[in-house]
């Protein structure tokens, strides 16, 4: 009645799709953490929403390491897979293990051979805001 249990995928244009080809590709795609590598698209979950991104949309990807220093405890590191289109960072995917982030970046590079890998400082040295 309300579509509960159906997989809806949100695209980079912010529209949802429910077509069977993408849903089956999502279900059968190998996963690392909350990202999936389908034959049609790259998929990820963020705040309860499932997203799909065509591989040719991703122009650049890199890993950013964030450090959190809790009181009286050793530092804790987060490994973020950042996806870029144009000069905008459109996805910030958090991994708790460095190996998972590295494997996700390597697998993404295999699927999107035209994608650049690595951080490029913005003009003027100021980090762009996350959209």
C-alpha atoms as a PDB file:
ATOM      1  CA  UNK A   1       0.000   0.000   0.000  1.00  0.00           C
ATOM      2  CA  UNK A   2       2.663   2.528   0.984  1.00  0.00           C
ATOM      3  CA  UNK A   3       5.598   0.833  -0.742  1.00  0.00           C
ATOM      4  CA  UNK A   4       7.186  -0.295   2.512  1.00  0.00           C
ATOM      5  CA  UNK A   5       9.968  -2.770   1.913  1.00  0.00           C
ATOM      6  CA  UNK A   6      10.547  -1.618  -1.668  1.00  0.00           C
ATOM      7  CA  UNK A   7      13.996  -0.338  -2.473  1.00  0.00           C
ATOM      8  CA  UNK A   8      14.077   3.270  -3.635  1.00  0.00           C
ATOM      9  CA  UNK A   9      17.324   4.698  -4.903  1.00  0.00           C
ATOM     10  CA  UNK A  10      18.056   8.413  -4.953  1.00  0.00           C
ATOM     11  CA  UNK A  11      20.181   9.784  -7.781  1.00  0.00           C
ATOM     12  CA  UNK A  12      22.577  12.696  -8.028  1.00  0.00           C
ATOM     13  CA  UNK A  13      19.677  14.710  -9.492  1.00  0.00           C
ATOM     14  CA  UNK A  14      17.830  14.083  -6.165  1.00  0.00           C
ATOM     15  CA  UNK A  15      15.079  12.086  -7.888  1.00  0.00           C
ATOM     16  CA  UNK A  16      14.110   8.596  -6.782  1.00  0.00           C
ATOM     17  CA  UNK A  17      13.957   5.547  -9.003  1.00  0.00           C
ATOM     18  CA  UNK A  18      12.495   2.106  -8.330  1.00  0.00           C
ATOM     19  CA  UNK A  19      13.082   0.372 -11.659  1.00  0.00           C
ATOM     20  CA  UNK A  20      13.767  -3.346 -11.463  1.00  0.00           C
ATOM     21  CA  UNK A  21      17.133  -3.224 -13.288  1.00  0.00           C
ATOM     22  CA  UNK A  22      18.722  -0.878 -10.723  1.00  0.00           C
ATOM     23  CA  UNK A  23      17.093  -2.622  -7.755  1.00  0.00           C
ATOM     24  CA  UNK A  24      18.403  -6.027  -8.866  1.00  0.00           C
ATOM     25  CA  UNK A  25      21.834  -4.532  -9.590  1.00  0.00           C
ATOM     26  CA  UNK A  26      21.849  -3.042  -6.071  1.00  0.00           C
ATOM     27  CA  UNK A  27      20.862  -6.349  -4.454  1.00  0.00           C
ATOM     28  CA  UNK A  28      23.477  -8.380  -6.339  1.00  0.00           C
ATOM     29  CA  UNK A  29      26.338  -5.863  -6.037  1.00  0.00           C
ATOM     30  CA  UNK A  30      29.335  -6.787  -3.864  1.00  0.00           C
ATOM     31  CA  UNK A  31      29.538  -4.586  -0.771  1.00  0.00           C
ATOM     32  CA  UNK A  32      32.260  -3.073   1.386  1.00  0.00           C
ATOM     33  CA  UNK A  33      30.743  -1.480   4.456  1.00  0.00           C
ATOM     34  CA  UNK A  34      27.897   0.691   3.247  1.00  0.00           C
ATOM     35  CA  UNK A  35      29.014   0.992  -0.379  1.00  0.00           C
ATOM     36  CA  UNK A  36      28.173  -1.366  -3.246  1.00  0.00           C
ATOM     37  CA  UNK A  37      29.756  -1.801  -6.653  1.00  0.00           C
ATOM     38  CA  UNK A  38      27.090  -2.689  -9.193  1.00  0.00           C
ATOM     39  CA  UNK A  39      27.482  -3.233 -12.898  1.00  0.00           C
ATOM     40  CA  UNK A  40      25.234  -0.230 -13.641  1.00  0.00           C
ATOM     41  CA  UNK A  41      26.116   2.208 -10.847  1.00  0.00           C
ATOM     42  CA  UNK A  42      27.969   2.831  -7.598  1.00  0.00           C
ATOM     43  CA  UNK A  43      25.611   2.627  -4.613  1.00  0.00           C
ATOM     44  CA  UNK A  44      25.930   3.890  -1.040  1.00  0.00           C
ATOM     45  CA  UNK A  45      23.815   4.459   2.044  1.00  0.00           C
ATOM     46  CA  UNK A  46      23.869   7.745   3.909  1.00  0.00           C
ATOM     47  CA  UNK A  47      21.522   8.674   6.756  1.00  0.00           C
ATOM     48  CA  UNK A  48      19.075   5.921   5.847  1.00  0.00           C
ATOM     49  CA  UNK A  49      18.858   6.846   2.164  1.00  0.00           C
ATOM     50  CA  UNK A  50      20.189   4.594  -0.590  1.00  0.00           C
ATOM     51  CA  UNK A  51      21.934   6.527  -3.366  1.00  0.00           C
ATOM     52  CA  UNK A  52      23.036   5.521  -6.856  1.00  0.00           C
ATOM     53  CA  UNK A  53      25.746   7.275  -8.851  1.00  0.00           C
ATOM     54  CA  UNK A  54      26.705   6.431 -12.438  1.00  0.00           C
ATOM     55  CA  UNK A  55      30.418   5.658 -12.547  1.00  0.00           C
ATOM     56  CA  UNK A  56      31.073   8.290 -15.224  1.00  0.00           C
ATOM     57  CA  UNK A  57      29.590  11.002 -12.926  1.00  0.00           C
ATOM     58  CA  UNK A  58      32.425  10.552 -10.403  1.00  0.00           C
ATOM     59  CA  UNK A  59      35.315  12.710 -11.605  1.00  0.00           C
ATOM     60  CA  UNK A  60      37.665  12.272  -8.665  1.00  0.00           C
ATOM     61  CA  UNK A  61      37.856  10.299  -5.424  1.00  0.00           C
ATOM     62  CA  UNK A  62      40.230  10.367  -2.481  1.00  0.00           C
ATOM     63  CA  UNK A  63      40.510   9.336   1.150  1.00  0.00           C
ATOM     64  CA  UNK A  64      40.508  11.931   3.918  1.00  0.00           C
ATOM     65  CA  UNK A  65      41.579  10.892   7.405  1.00  0.00           C
ATOM     66  CA  UNK A  66      39.834  12.536  10.355  1.00  0.00           C
ATOM     67  CA  UNK A  67      41.162  12.310  13.895  1.00  0.00           C
ATOM     68  CA  UNK A  68      39.018  12.466  17.007  1.00  0.00           C
ATOM     69  CA  UNK A  69      40.703  12.941  20.364  1.00  0.00           C
ATOM     70  CA  UNK A  70      38.421  11.827  23.223  1.00  0.00           C
ATOM     71  CA  UNK A  71      39.318  12.882  26.769  1.00  0.00           C
ATOM     72  CA  UNK A  72      42.017  10.681  28.373  1.00  0.00           C
ATOM     73  CA  UNK A  73      41.901   8.148  25.536  1.00  0.00           C
ATOM     74  CA  UNK A  74      43.990   7.473  22.475  1.00  0.00           C
ATOM     75  CA  UNK A  75      43.031   9.173  19.233  1.00  0.00           C
ATOM     76  CA  UNK A  76      40.426   7.531  17.021  1.00  0.00           C
ATOM     77  CA  UNK A  77      40.675   7.783  13.240  1.00  0.00           C
ATOM     78  CA  UNK A  78      37.902   7.844  10.645  1.00  0.00           C
ATOM     79  CA  UNK A  79      38.651   7.147   6.998  1.00  0.00           C
ATOM     80  CA  UNK A  80      36.407   9.061   4.619  1.00  0.00           C
ATOM     81  CA  UNK A  81      35.975   8.197   0.951  1.00  0.00           C
ATOM     82  CA  UNK A  82      35.236  11.532  -0.715  1.00  0.00           C
ATOM     83  CA  UNK A  83      33.604  11.629  -4.162  1.00  0.00           C
ATOM     84  CA  UNK A  84      33.913  14.743  -6.317  1.00  0.00           C
ATOM     85  CA  UNK A  85      32.028  16.019  -9.361  1.00  0.00           C
ATOM     86  CA  UNK A  86      33.053  19.365 -10.798  1.00  0.00           C
ATOM     87  CA  UNK A  87      34.652  21.029  -7.811  1.00  0.00           C
ATOM     88  CA  UNK A  88      31.972  19.840  -5.369  1.00  0.00           C
ATOM     89  CA  UNK A  89      32.390  17.037  -2.880  1.00  0.00           C
ATOM     90  CA  UNK A  90      29.044  15.273  -3.158  1.00  0.00           C
ATOM     91  CA  UNK A  91      29.628  12.192  -0.980  1.00  0.00           C
ATOM     92  CA  UNK A  92      31.502  11.724   2.279  1.00  0.00           C
ATOM     93  CA  UNK A  93      31.473   8.002   3.101  1.00  0.00           C
ATOM     94  CA  UNK A  94      32.890   7.075   6.508  1.00  0.00           C
ATOM     95  CA  UNK A  95      34.797   3.846   7.213  1.00  0.00           C
ATOM     96  CA  UNK A  96      36.211   2.871  10.596  1.00  0.00           C
ATOM     97  CA  UNK A  97      38.961   0.688   9.076  1.00  0.00           C
ATOM     98  CA  UNK A  98      41.647   1.978   6.752  1.00  0.00           C
ATOM     99  CA  UNK A  99      41.748  -1.310   4.819  1.00  0.00           C
ATOM    100  CA  UNK A 100      38.052  -1.035   3.907  1.00  0.00           C
ATOM    101  CA  UNK A 101      38.449   2.550   2.676  1.00  0.00           C
ATOM    102  CA  UNK A 102      41.511   1.612   0.611  1.00  0.00           C
ATOM    103  CA  UNK A 103      39.752  -1.418  -0.880  1.00  0.00           C
ATOM    104  CA  UNK A 104      36.662   0.658  -1.732  1.00  0.00           C
ATOM    105  CA  UNK A 105      38.815   3.287  -3.484  1.00  0.00           C
ATOM    106  CA  UNK A 106      40.730   0.601  -5.417  1.00  0.00           C
ATOM    107  CA  UNK A 107      37.542  -1.147  -6.518  1.00  0.00           C
ATOM    108  CA  UNK A 108      35.980   2.180  -7.512  1.00  0.00           C
ATOM    109  CA  UNK A 109      39.078   2.961  -9.584  1.00  0.00           C
ATOM    110  CA  UNK A 110      38.666  -0.358 -11.418  1.00  0.00           C
ATOM    111  CA  UNK A 111      35.023   0.358 -12.237  1.00  0.00           C
ATOM    112  CA  UNK A 112      35.622   3.998 -13.250  1.00  0.00           C
ATOM    113  CA  UNK A 113      38.975   4.034 -15.092  1.00  0.00           C
ATOM    114  CA  UNK A 114      38.578   7.684 -16.206  1.00  0.00           C
ATOM    115  CA  UNK A 115      38.199   8.849 -12.604  1.00  0.00           C
ATOM    116  CA  UNK A 116      41.121  10.753 -11.076  1.00  0.00           C
ATOM    117  CA  UNK A 117      42.377   9.591  -7.695  1.00  0.00           C
ATOM    118  CA  UNK A 118      43.825  11.919  -5.083  1.00  0.00           C
ATOM    119  CA  UNK A 119      43.214  15.188  -3.312  1.00  0.00           C
ATOM    120  CA  UNK A 120      43.569  18.417  -5.256  1.00  0.00           C
ATOM    121  CA  UNK A 121      43.750  21.580  -3.138  1.00  0.00           C
ATOM    122  CA  UNK A 122      41.122  24.149  -4.092  1.00  0.00           C
ATOM    123  CA  UNK A 123      42.189  27.470  -5.615  1.00  0.00           C
ATOM    124  CA  UNK A 124      43.057  29.936  -2.893  1.00  0.00           C
ATOM    125  CA  UNK A 125      43.778  27.158  -0.396  1.00  0.00           C
ATOM    126  CA  UNK A 126      40.336  27.235   1.215  1.00  0.00           C
ATOM    127  CA  UNK A 127      38.501  23.914   1.540  1.00  0.00           C
ATOM    128  CA  UNK A 128      35.171  24.039  -0.297  1.00  0.00           C
ATOM    129  CA  UNK A 129      32.049  23.640   1.760  1.00  0.00           C
ATOM    130  CA  UNK A 130      30.348  20.273   1.669  1.00  0.00           C
ATOM    131  CA  UNK A 131      27.044  20.467  -0.141  1.00  0.00           C
END
